[in-house]
C-alpha atoms as a PDB file:
ATOM      1  CA  MET A   1      22.917 224.095  68.952  1.00  0.00           C
ATOM      2  CA  ARG A   2      23.767 226.871  71.425  1.00  0.00           C
ATOM      3  CA  GLU A   3      21.756 229.919  71.491  1.00  0.00           C
ATOM      4  CA  MET A   4      23.606 232.927  69.915  1.00  0.00           C
ATOM      5  CA  GLU A   5      23.090 236.747  70.318  1.00  0.00           C
ATOM      6  CA  PRO A   6      22.912 238.627  66.566  1.00  0.00           C
ATOM      7  CA  PRO A   7      24.478 239.830  65.047  1.00  0.00           C
ATOM      8  CA  TYR A   8      26.664 236.791  63.999  1.00  0.00           C
ATOM      9  CA  TYR A   9      27.301 235.599  60.727  1.00  0.00           C
ATOM     10  CA  ALA A  10      25.799 232.270  58.771  1.00  0.00           C
ATOM     11  CA  VAL A  11      27.956 230.276  56.368  1.00  0.00           C
ATOM     12  CA  VAL A  12      25.157 228.530  53.987  1.00  0.00           C
ATOM     13  CA  PHE A  13      27.109 225.528  52.129  1.00  0.00           C
ATOM     14  CA  SER A  14      24.222 223.737  49.967  1.00  0.00           C
ATOM     15  CA  SER A  15      25.568 220.647  48.083  1.00  0.00           C
ATOM     16  CA  ARG A  16      24.656 217.733  45.917  1.00  0.00           C
ATOM     17  CA  ARG A  17      26.925 214.465  46.704  1.00  0.00           C
ATOM     18  CA  THR A  18      28.669 212.193  44.204  1.00  0.00           C
ATOM     19  CA  GLU A  19      28.129 208.659  44.092  1.00  0.00           C
ATOM     20  CA  GLY A  20      30.243 206.523  47.098  1.00  0.00           C
ATOM     21  CA  ASP A  21      31.574 207.886  50.175  1.00  0.00           C
ATOM     22  CA  ASN A  22      35.594 208.628  48.907  1.00  0.00           C
ATOM     23  CA  ASP A  23      36.607 209.326  52.759  1.00  0.00           C
ATOM     24  CA  TYR A  24      33.780 211.864  52.655  1.00  0.00           C
ATOM     25  CA  ALA A  25      32.672 211.190  56.465  1.00  0.00           C
ATOM     26  CA  GLU A  26      35.883 210.945  57.564  1.00  0.00           C
ATOM     27  CA  THR A  27      36.669 214.160  56.169  1.00  0.00           C
ATOM     28  CA  ALA A  28      33.748 215.891  57.081  1.00  0.00           C
ATOM     29  CA  ALA A  29      33.843 214.711  60.775  1.00  0.00           C
ATOM     30  CA  ARG A  30      37.550 216.385  60.522  1.00  0.00           C
ATOM     31  CA  MET A  31      36.620 219.490  59.370  1.00  0.00           C
ATOM     32  CA  ASP A  32      33.496 220.029  62.110  1.00  0.00           C
ATOM     33  CA  GLU A  33      36.468 218.973  64.823  1.00  0.00           C
ATOM     34  CA  LEU A  34      38.830 221.500  63.252  1.00  0.00           C
ATOM     35  CA  ALA A  35      36.524 224.732  62.607  1.00  0.00           C
ATOM     36  CA  ALA A  36      35.225 224.283  66.070  1.00  0.00           C
ATOM     37  CA  THR A  37      39.010 225.334  67.097  1.00  0.00           C
ATOM     38  CA  MET A  38      38.951 228.591  65.209  1.00  0.00           C
ATOM     39  CA  PRO A  39      38.592 231.691  66.738  1.00  0.00           C
ATOM     40  CA  GLY A  40      34.822 233.117  66.159  1.00  0.00           C
ATOM     41  CA  TYR A  41      33.204 229.858  65.543  1.00  0.00           C
ATOM     42  CA  LEU A  42      29.714 229.934  67.014  1.00  0.00           C
ATOM     43  CA  GLY A  43      28.654 226.691  66.059  1.00  0.00           C
ATOM     44  CA  ILE A  44      27.287 224.305  63.056  1.00  0.00           C
ATOM     45  CA  GLU A  45      23.898 222.695  61.734  1.00  0.00           C
ATOM     46  CA  SER A  46      23.854 219.892  58.890  1.00  0.00           C
ATOM     47  CA  ALA A  47      21.059 218.022  57.099  1.00  0.00           C
ATOM     48  CA  ARG A  48      21.561 215.541  54.009  1.00  0.00           C
ATOM     49  CA  GLY A  49      18.490 213.788  52.067  1.00  0.00           C
ATOM     50  CA  ALA A  50      18.811 210.072  50.789  1.00  0.00           C
ATOM     51  CA  ASP A  51      19.213 211.911  47.327  1.00  0.00           C
ATOM     52  CA  GLY A  52      22.806 213.590  47.963  1.00  0.00           C
ATOM     53  CA  PHE A  53      21.309 217.317  48.567  1.00  0.00           C
ATOM     54  CA  GLY A  54      22.434 218.331  51.709  1.00  0.00           C
ATOM     55  CA  ILE A  55      22.882 222.113  53.614  1.00  0.00           C
ATOM     56  CA  THR A  56      25.378 222.911  55.972  1.00  0.00           C
ATOM     57  CA  VAL A  57      25.141 225.946  57.715  1.00  0.00           C
ATOM     58  CA  SER A  58      28.517 227.256  60.461  1.00  0.00           C
ATOM     59  CA  TYR A  59      28.069 230.372  62.304  1.00  0.00           C
ATOM     60  CA  TRP A  60      31.084 232.744  63.132  1.00  0.00           C
ATOM     61  CA  GLU A  61      31.433 235.759  65.060  1.00  0.00           C
ATOM     62  CA  SER A  62      33.258 237.776  62.118  1.00  0.00           C
ATOM     63  CA  GLU A  63      33.608 238.058  58.679  1.00  0.00           C
ATOM     64  CA  GLU A  64      37.360 237.635  59.299  1.00  0.00           C
ATOM     65  CA  ALA A  65      36.710 234.592  61.543  1.00  0.00           C
ATOM     66  CA  ILE A  66      34.804 233.242  58.282  1.00  0.00           C
ATOM     67  CA  ALA A  67      37.790 234.459  56.028  1.00  0.00           C
ATOM     68  CA  ASN A  68      40.418 232.922  58.522  1.00  0.00           C
ATOM     69  CA  TRP A  69      38.577 229.424  58.411  1.00  0.00           C
ATOM     70  CA  LYS A  70      38.245 229.690  54.367  1.00  0.00           C
ATOM     71  CA  LYS A  71      42.209 229.945  54.195  1.00  0.00           C
ATOM     72  CA  HIS A  72      42.781 227.626  57.171  1.00  0.00           C
ATOM     73  CA  ALA A  73      45.524 224.966  55.326  1.00  0.00           C
ATOM     74  CA  GLU A  74      44.340 221.693  55.763  1.00  0.00           C
ATOM     75  CA  HIS A  75      40.458 223.487  55.211  1.00  0.00           C
ATOM     76  CA  LEU A  76      41.890 223.969  51.700  1.00  0.00           C
ATOM     77  CA  ILE A  77      42.664 220.460  51.236  1.00  0.00           C
ATOM     78  CA  ALA A  78      39.278 219.380  51.797  1.00  0.00           C
ATOM     79  CA  GLN A  79      37.546 222.167  49.293  1.00  0.00           C
ATOM     80  CA  ARG A  80      40.206 220.807  46.827  1.00  0.00           C
ATOM     81  CA  ARG A  81      38.382 217.425  47.492  1.00  0.00           C
ATOM     82  CA  GLY A  82      35.226 218.632  47.697  1.00  0.00           C
ATOM     83  CA  ARG A  83      35.584 220.035  44.012  1.00  0.00           C
ATOM     84  CA  GLY A  84      37.234 216.868  42.593  1.00  0.00           C
ATOM     85  CA  GLU A  85      35.613 213.908  44.382  1.00  0.00           C
ATOM     86  CA  TYR A  86      32.633 215.076  46.870  1.00  0.00           C
ATOM     87  CA  TYR A  87      30.212 217.675  45.486  1.00  0.00           C
ATOM     88  CA  SER A  88      28.370 217.292  41.829  1.00  0.00           C
ATOM     89  CA  ASP A  89      27.754 220.692  42.869  1.00  0.00           C
ATOM     90  CA  TYR A  90      27.402 223.384  45.273  1.00  0.00           C
ATOM     91  CA  GLN A  91      27.173 227.241  46.423  1.00  0.00           C
ATOM     92  CA  VAL A  92      28.071 229.067  49.006  1.00  0.00           C
ATOM     93  CA  ARG A  93      26.115 232.228  50.671  1.00  0.00           C
ATOM     94  CA  VAL A  94      27.244 234.268  53.587  1.00  0.00           C
ATOM     95  CA  ALA A  95      24.626 236.028  55.717  1.00  0.00           C
ATOM     96  CA  LYS A  96      24.775 238.520  58.577  1.00  0.00           C
ATOM     97  CA  VAL A  97      22.303 237.114  61.128  1.00  0.00           C
ATOM     98  CA  GLU A  98      20.145 240.493  62.415  1.00  0.00           C
ATOM     99  CA  ARG A  99      17.402 238.976  64.352  1.00  0.00           C
ATOM    100  CA  ALA A 100      16.932 235.163  65.696  1.00  0.00           C
ATOM    101  CA  TYR A 101      14.216 233.509  67.992  1.00  0.00           C
ATOM    102  CA  ALA A 102      13.727 230.117  68.600  1.00  0.00           C
ATOM    103  CA  MET A 103      10.698 227.596  70.451  1.00  0.00           C
ATOM    104  CA  LYS A 104      11.163 224.774  72.906  1.00  0.00           C
ATOM    105  CA  ARG A 105       8.259 222.707  73.292  1.00  0.00           C
ATOM    106  CA  GLY A 106       7.390 222.608  76.861  1.00  0.00           C
ATOM    107  CA  GLN A 107       9.359 225.760  77.642  1.00  0.00           C
ATOM    108  CA  ASP A 108       7.155 229.311  77.878  1.00  0.00           C
END
């Protein structure tokens, strides 16, 4: 993940997966690839536990960039599949990041 200078926006997507893959891995990889081509995209971080609960945070320059991603035609199809096949439940939160800092072991 590259360092980003605030302010920027974070879309926090927390979800619980349904049983089975149903092409989820392929769709998720495609969405990561596609999002990276969108104007205003800054990056993504994601983790999922063995119990199926996961959190994905995507980072964007503006609310307009987020809105454009949300309405992208291929993303709309993936959203429909998410509601119908991939997730038993999810929440989306959008936040403006005002401050950020990091630590890397071995560096001052």
